[in-house]
N, C-alpha and C. Protein backbone atom coordinates (compact mmCIF):
# COMPACT_ATOMS: atom_id res chain seq x y z
N UNK A 1 -163.17 -88.21 162.91
CA UNK A 1 -163.42 -87.55 164.15
C UNK A 1 -164.17 -86.26 163.91
N UNK A 2 -165.30 -86.11 164.54
CA UNK A 2 -166.05 -84.86 164.39
C UNK A 2 -166.02 -84.11 165.70
N UNK A 3 -165.96 -82.82 165.61
CA UNK A 3 -165.97 -82.02 166.84
C UNK A 3 -167.31 -81.33 166.96
N UNK A 4 -167.80 -81.29 168.17
CA UNK A 4 -169.10 -80.67 168.42
C UNK A 4 -168.90 -79.45 169.30
N UNK A 5 -169.60 -78.41 168.98
CA UNK A 5 -169.55 -77.21 169.79
C UNK A 5 -170.84 -77.16 170.60
N UNK A 6 -170.70 -77.10 171.90
CA UNK A 6 -171.88 -77.06 172.76
C UNK A 6 -172.10 -75.63 173.24
N UNK A 7 -173.36 -75.25 173.35
CA UNK A 7 -173.70 -73.94 173.88
C UNK A 7 -173.41 -73.92 175.36
N UNK A 8 -172.92 -72.81 175.89
CA UNK A 8 -172.66 -72.73 177.33
C UNK A 8 -173.96 -72.88 178.10
N UNK A 9 -173.88 -73.53 179.25
CA UNK A 9 -175.09 -73.71 180.05
C UNK A 9 -175.48 -72.40 180.70
N UNK A 10 -176.77 -72.19 180.82
CA UNK A 10 -177.31 -70.97 181.41
C UNK A 10 -177.66 -71.27 182.86
N UNK A 11 -176.86 -70.83 183.79
CA UNK A 11 -177.10 -71.14 185.20
C UNK A 11 -178.28 -70.38 185.78
N UNK A 12 -178.74 -69.32 185.13
CA UNK A 12 -179.86 -68.54 185.65
C UNK A 12 -181.21 -69.17 185.34
N UNK A 13 -181.24 -70.20 184.51
CA UNK A 13 -182.48 -70.86 184.15
C UNK A 13 -182.78 -71.96 185.16
N UNK A 14 -184.05 -72.22 185.46
CA UNK A 14 -184.38 -73.28 186.39
C UNK A 14 -183.96 -74.64 185.85
N UNK A 15 -183.57 -75.53 186.77
CA UNK A 15 -183.11 -76.84 186.37
C UNK A 15 -184.26 -77.71 185.90
N UNK A 16 -185.46 -77.50 186.43
CA UNK A 16 -186.61 -78.32 186.08
C UNK A 16 -187.46 -77.65 185.02
N UNK A 17 -187.81 -78.35 183.95
CA UNK A 17 -188.68 -77.75 182.95
C UNK A 17 -190.08 -77.49 183.49
N UNK A 18 -190.51 -78.22 184.50
CA UNK A 18 -191.85 -78.03 185.05
C UNK A 18 -191.95 -76.78 185.91
N UNK A 19 -190.83 -76.10 186.17
CA UNK A 19 -190.85 -74.90 187.00
C UNK A 19 -191.54 -73.74 186.30
N UNK A 20 -191.61 -73.78 184.97
CA UNK A 20 -192.25 -72.72 184.20
C UNK A 20 -193.41 -73.31 183.42
N UNK A 21 -194.64 -72.84 183.68
CA UNK A 21 -195.78 -73.38 182.93
C UNK A 21 -195.69 -72.98 181.47
N UNK A 22 -195.98 -73.90 180.58
CA UNK A 22 -195.88 -73.63 179.16
C UNK A 22 -197.20 -73.18 178.56
N UNK A 23 -198.27 -73.15 179.35
CA UNK A 23 -199.58 -72.79 178.83
C UNK A 23 -199.90 -71.31 179.00
N UNK A 24 -198.94 -70.50 179.46
CA UNK A 24 -199.23 -69.10 179.70
C UNK A 24 -199.15 -68.23 178.45
N UNK A 25 -198.69 -68.75 177.34
CA UNK A 25 -198.58 -67.95 176.13
C UNK A 25 -199.96 -67.81 175.52
N UNK A 26 -200.54 -66.62 175.67
CA UNK A 26 -201.88 -66.37 175.13
C UNK A 26 -201.78 -65.74 173.75
N UNK A 27 -201.08 -64.65 173.67
CA UNK A 27 -200.86 -64.02 172.38
C UNK A 27 -199.53 -63.31 172.40
N UNK A 28 -198.89 -63.29 171.29
CA UNK A 28 -197.56 -62.73 171.17
C UNK A 28 -197.65 -61.25 170.83
N UNK A 29 -196.84 -60.45 171.48
CA UNK A 29 -196.77 -59.03 171.17
C UNK A 29 -195.80 -58.81 170.01
N UNK A 30 -196.17 -57.89 169.14
CA UNK A 30 -195.33 -57.52 168.01
C UNK A 30 -195.18 -56.01 167.98
N UNK A 31 -194.15 -55.48 167.33
CA UNK A 31 -194.05 -54.03 167.19
C UNK A 31 -195.24 -53.49 166.39
N UNK A 32 -195.71 -52.32 166.76
CA UNK A 32 -196.85 -51.71 166.07
C UNK A 32 -196.60 -51.59 164.57
N UNK A 33 -195.37 -51.39 164.18
CA UNK A 33 -195.02 -51.24 162.77
C UNK A 33 -195.22 -52.52 161.97
N UNK A 34 -195.48 -53.65 162.63
CA UNK A 34 -195.72 -54.90 161.92
C UNK A 34 -197.22 -55.16 161.68
N UNK A 35 -198.08 -54.28 162.20
CA UNK A 35 -199.50 -54.40 161.89
C UNK A 35 -199.70 -54.09 160.40
N UNK A 36 -200.63 -54.78 159.77
CA UNK A 36 -200.96 -54.48 158.38
C UNK A 36 -202.02 -53.38 158.36
N UNK A 37 -202.15 -52.70 157.24
CA UNK A 37 -203.14 -51.64 157.11
C UNK A 37 -204.53 -52.22 157.40
N UNK A 38 -205.28 -51.57 158.31
CA UNK A 38 -206.61 -52.01 158.67
C UNK A 38 -206.64 -53.00 159.84
N UNK A 39 -205.49 -53.55 160.20
CA UNK A 39 -205.42 -54.52 161.29
C UNK A 39 -205.51 -53.80 162.64
N UNK A 40 -206.15 -54.45 163.61
CA UNK A 40 -206.33 -53.85 164.93
C UNK A 40 -205.58 -54.67 165.98
N UNK A 41 -205.26 -53.99 167.06
CA UNK A 41 -204.58 -54.63 168.17
C UNK A 41 -204.75 -53.79 169.43
N UNK A 42 -204.21 -54.30 170.51
CA UNK A 42 -204.24 -53.60 171.80
C UNK A 42 -202.80 -53.40 172.27
N UNK A 43 -202.53 -52.23 172.77
CA UNK A 43 -201.19 -51.93 173.24
C UNK A 43 -200.87 -52.81 174.44
N UNK A 44 -199.72 -53.45 174.37
CA UNK A 44 -199.26 -54.33 175.43
C UNK A 44 -198.26 -53.58 176.32
N UNK A 45 -197.22 -53.05 175.73
CA UNK A 45 -196.19 -52.33 176.48
C UNK A 45 -195.37 -51.50 175.49
N UNK A 46 -194.48 -50.70 176.03
CA UNK A 46 -193.57 -49.95 175.18
C UNK A 46 -192.15 -50.26 175.60
N UNK A 47 -191.27 -50.21 174.63
CA UNK A 47 -189.85 -50.38 174.89
C UNK A 47 -189.15 -49.07 174.60
N UNK A 48 -189.79 -47.98 175.00
CA UNK A 48 -189.30 -46.63 174.71
C UNK A 48 -188.62 -46.03 175.94
N UNK A 49 -188.00 -44.91 175.72
CA UNK A 49 -187.37 -44.16 176.80
C UNK A 49 -188.47 -43.55 177.67
N UNK A 50 -188.19 -43.27 178.94
CA UNK A 50 -189.22 -42.70 179.84
C UNK A 50 -189.90 -41.44 179.28
N UNK A 51 -189.14 -40.55 178.65
CA UNK A 51 -189.75 -39.34 178.08
C UNK A 51 -190.73 -39.69 176.96
N UNK A 52 -190.36 -40.66 176.12
CA UNK A 52 -191.24 -41.08 175.04
C UNK A 52 -192.49 -41.76 175.60
N UNK A 53 -192.31 -42.57 176.66
CA UNK A 53 -193.46 -43.24 177.29
C UNK A 53 -194.45 -42.21 177.82
N UNK A 54 -193.94 -41.17 178.43
CA UNK A 54 -194.79 -40.11 178.97
C UNK A 54 -195.56 -39.43 177.84
N UNK A 55 -194.89 -39.17 176.72
CA UNK A 55 -195.54 -38.54 175.57
C UNK A 55 -196.61 -39.45 174.99
N UNK A 56 -196.30 -40.75 174.86
CA UNK A 56 -197.26 -41.70 174.32
C UNK A 56 -198.50 -41.80 175.20
N UNK A 57 -198.32 -41.83 176.52
CA UNK A 57 -199.46 -41.87 177.44
C UNK A 57 -200.30 -40.61 177.32
N UNK A 58 -199.66 -39.46 177.17
CA UNK A 58 -200.39 -38.19 177.03
C UNK A 58 -201.23 -38.18 175.75
N UNK A 59 -200.79 -38.91 174.72
CA UNK A 59 -201.55 -38.98 173.46
C UNK A 59 -202.62 -40.06 173.50
N UNK A 60 -202.67 -40.83 174.60
CA UNK A 60 -203.69 -41.86 174.72
C UNK A 60 -203.22 -43.27 174.41
N UNK A 61 -201.96 -43.41 174.08
CA UNK A 61 -201.40 -44.73 173.78
C UNK A 61 -200.94 -45.37 175.09
N UNK A 62 -201.91 -45.95 175.79
CA UNK A 62 -201.71 -46.57 177.09
C UNK A 62 -201.90 -48.07 176.96
N UNK A 63 -201.41 -48.83 177.96
CA UNK A 63 -201.64 -50.28 177.92
C UNK A 63 -203.11 -50.60 177.76
N UNK A 64 -203.41 -51.55 176.90
CA UNK A 64 -204.74 -52.06 176.58
C UNK A 64 -205.58 -51.12 175.70
N UNK A 65 -205.01 -50.01 175.26
CA UNK A 65 -205.73 -49.13 174.33
C UNK A 65 -205.83 -49.81 172.97
N UNK A 66 -206.97 -49.66 172.32
CA UNK A 66 -207.21 -50.27 171.01
C UNK A 66 -206.67 -49.36 169.91
N UNK A 67 -205.89 -49.95 168.99
CA UNK A 67 -205.34 -49.20 167.87
C UNK A 67 -205.63 -49.93 166.57
N UNK A 68 -205.77 -49.16 165.49
CA UNK A 68 -205.92 -49.72 164.15
C UNK A 68 -204.92 -49.04 163.24
N UNK A 69 -204.17 -49.82 162.47
CA UNK A 69 -203.18 -49.26 161.56
C UNK A 69 -203.89 -48.62 160.38
N UNK A 70 -203.65 -47.34 160.18
CA UNK A 70 -204.24 -46.61 159.05
C UNK A 70 -203.25 -46.46 157.91
N UNK A 71 -201.99 -46.18 158.27
CA UNK A 71 -200.97 -45.95 157.24
C UNK A 71 -199.63 -46.42 157.76
N UNK A 72 -198.97 -47.25 156.98
CA UNK A 72 -197.62 -47.69 157.31
C UNK A 72 -196.62 -46.69 156.79
N UNK A 73 -195.44 -46.70 157.32
CA UNK A 73 -194.39 -45.84 156.79
C UNK A 73 -194.03 -44.73 157.74
N UNK A 74 -193.64 -43.62 157.17
CA UNK A 74 -193.16 -42.48 157.94
C UNK A 74 -193.98 -41.25 157.59
N UNK A 75 -194.82 -40.73 158.45
CA UNK A 75 -195.11 -41.27 159.77
C UNK A 75 -196.07 -42.46 159.70
N UNK A 76 -196.07 -43.24 160.74
CA UNK A 76 -197.00 -44.35 160.92
C UNK A 76 -198.27 -43.74 161.52
N UNK A 77 -199.42 -43.93 160.89
CA UNK A 77 -200.66 -43.33 161.39
C UNK A 77 -201.58 -44.43 161.89
N UNK A 78 -202.01 -44.28 163.16
CA UNK A 78 -202.91 -45.24 163.77
C UNK A 78 -204.16 -44.52 164.27
N UNK A 79 -205.25 -45.25 164.24
CA UNK A 79 -206.50 -44.76 164.81
C UNK A 79 -206.56 -45.28 166.24
N UNK A 80 -206.81 -44.38 167.17
CA UNK A 80 -206.85 -44.74 168.58
C UNK A 80 -208.28 -44.90 169.04
N UNK A 81 -208.69 -46.13 169.32
CA UNK A 81 -210.04 -46.46 169.78
C UNK A 81 -211.11 -45.89 168.86
N UNK A 82 -210.79 -45.68 167.59
CA UNK A 82 -211.74 -45.15 166.63
C UNK A 82 -212.07 -43.69 166.84
N UNK A 83 -211.45 -43.05 167.82
CA UNK A 83 -211.79 -41.67 168.17
C UNK A 83 -210.93 -40.63 167.45
N UNK A 84 -209.65 -40.93 167.27
CA UNK A 84 -208.76 -39.97 166.62
C UNK A 84 -207.61 -40.71 165.95
N UNK A 85 -206.90 -40.01 165.10
CA UNK A 85 -205.73 -40.57 164.42
C UNK A 85 -204.48 -39.88 164.95
N UNK A 86 -203.43 -40.69 165.11
CA UNK A 86 -202.17 -40.18 165.63
C UNK A 86 -201.06 -40.59 164.68
N UNK A 87 -200.19 -39.65 164.37
CA UNK A 87 -199.02 -39.95 163.54
C UNK A 87 -197.80 -40.10 164.42
N UNK A 88 -197.07 -41.19 164.23
CA UNK A 88 -195.87 -41.46 165.02
C UNK A 88 -194.68 -41.69 164.10
N UNK A 89 -193.53 -41.19 164.53
CA UNK A 89 -192.30 -41.51 163.81
C UNK A 89 -192.13 -43.03 163.82
N UNK A 90 -191.64 -43.57 162.74
CA UNK A 90 -191.53 -45.03 162.61
C UNK A 90 -190.66 -45.62 163.71
N UNK A 91 -189.58 -44.94 164.11
CA UNK A 91 -188.71 -45.49 165.14
C UNK A 91 -189.40 -45.55 166.51
N UNK A 92 -190.30 -44.62 166.79
CA UNK A 92 -191.06 -44.68 168.05
C UNK A 92 -192.14 -45.75 167.95
N UNK A 93 -192.86 -45.80 166.83
CA UNK A 93 -193.91 -46.80 166.65
C UNK A 93 -193.35 -48.23 166.73
N UNK A 94 -192.11 -48.41 166.33
CA UNK A 94 -191.52 -49.75 166.36
C UNK A 94 -191.23 -50.21 167.79
N UNK A 95 -191.24 -49.29 168.74
CA UNK A 95 -191.00 -49.65 170.15
C UNK A 95 -192.30 -49.80 170.94
N UNK A 96 -193.45 -49.62 170.27
CA UNK A 96 -194.75 -49.84 170.92
C UNK A 96 -195.19 -51.25 170.54
N UNK A 97 -195.33 -52.11 171.55
CA UNK A 97 -195.69 -53.50 171.32
C UNK A 97 -197.20 -53.68 171.43
N UNK A 98 -197.78 -54.41 170.49
CA UNK A 98 -199.23 -54.64 170.47
C UNK A 98 -199.55 -56.13 170.37
N UNK A 99 -200.72 -56.49 170.89
CA UNK A 99 -201.27 -57.84 170.74
C UNK A 99 -202.35 -57.74 169.66
N UNK A 100 -202.25 -58.55 168.64
CA UNK A 100 -203.21 -58.51 167.53
C UNK A 100 -204.56 -59.02 168.00
N UNK A 101 -205.64 -58.29 167.63
CA UNK A 101 -207.00 -58.73 167.94
C UNK A 101 -207.36 -59.90 167.04
N UNK A 102 -208.14 -60.81 167.56
CA UNK A 102 -208.59 -61.97 166.79
C UNK A 102 -209.75 -61.63 165.88
């Protein structure tokens, strides 16, 4: 006799698989800290606190802004649209989500 453990059903999910289109995944966002040195991407969103979001916007790190990883670590240094370099604490940079450029 074998016993099986089933995952609880999620009532908040639609019953029909066709209710959600599966072709909408264009590119996956990753934390900025996962960019490799020299790799470029575009800011997708931030998972930061409102005060941090305000600071990031003031520095030019806005949705769809182009960034290039210059230095990994602490601080994380990125080039913003090729115009300037910004140093960010690693914990803040890890909450900035980017889409990798092709």
